[in-house]
Amino acid sequence: MYEDDVKGGRPSTAPEKLLHAMLLQVLYSIRPERQLMEQTQYKLLYR
């Protein structure tokens, strides 16, 4: 968890979304986490 303070900490990710993203990463063999996050934003299949 990241602290939301004056320095601009980022909000934490919900555990359900994180688990869902990790499952998609394993099923579709997406290696880099950055690529996984980009694809979950654009592909409706992952939602």
Protein backbone atom coordinates (compact mmCIF):
# COMPACT_ATOMS: atom_id res chain seq x y z
CA MET A 1 0.00 0.00 0.00
CA TYR A 2 1.20 3.48 -0.82
CA GLU A 3 0.63 6.39 1.46
CA ASP A 4 -1.32 9.25 -0.06
CA ASP A 5 0.62 12.21 1.23
CA VAL A 6 1.85 15.62 0.14
CA LYS A 7 4.58 14.05 -1.99
CA GLY A 8 1.97 12.55 -4.31
CA GLY A 9 1.85 8.88 -3.43
CA ARG A 10 -0.19 6.74 -5.79
CA PRO A 11 -3.39 4.99 -4.71
CA SER A 12 -3.25 1.28 -3.97
CA THR A 13 -4.71 -1.36 -6.29
CA ALA A 14 -7.69 -3.38 -5.11
CA PRO A 15 -6.69 -6.98 -4.22
CA GLU A 16 -9.42 -8.43 -6.47
CA LYS A 17 -8.11 -6.53 -9.50
CA LEU A 18 -4.54 -7.52 -8.72
CA LEU A 19 -5.45 -11.20 -8.45
CA HIS A 20 -7.46 -11.01 -11.69
CA ALA A 21 -4.53 -9.35 -13.49
CA MET A 22 -2.09 -11.98 -12.23
CA LEU A 23 -4.39 -14.76 -13.42
CA LEU A 24 -4.59 -13.16 -16.89
CA GLN A 25 -0.81 -12.85 -16.91
CA VAL A 26 -0.43 -16.59 -16.37
CA LEU A 27 -3.20 -17.65 -18.78
CA TYR A 28 -2.12 -15.45 -21.68
CA SER A 29 1.66 -15.64 -21.07
CA ILE A 30 2.15 -11.91 -20.75
CA ARG A 31 5.61 -11.51 -19.24
CA PRO A 32 6.21 -7.83 -18.41
CA GLU A 33 3.84 -6.33 -15.84
CA ARG A 34 3.83 -3.00 -17.68
CA GLN A 35 2.57 -4.72 -20.84
CA LEU A 36 -0.09 -6.49 -18.76
CA MET A 37 -1.38 -3.20 -17.34
CA GLU A 38 -1.48 -1.59 -20.80
CA GLN A 39 -3.41 -4.51 -22.26
CA THR A 40 -5.93 -4.64 -19.40
CA GLN A 41 -6.79 -1.02 -20.08
CA TYR A 42 -7.38 -1.54 -23.81
CA LYS A 43 -8.77 -5.04 -24.28
CA LEU A 44 -12.39 -5.64 -23.38
CA LEU A 45 -11.74 -9.41 -23.19
CA TYR A 46 -9.69 -8.90 -20.00
CA ARG A 47 -12.45 -6.90 -18.29
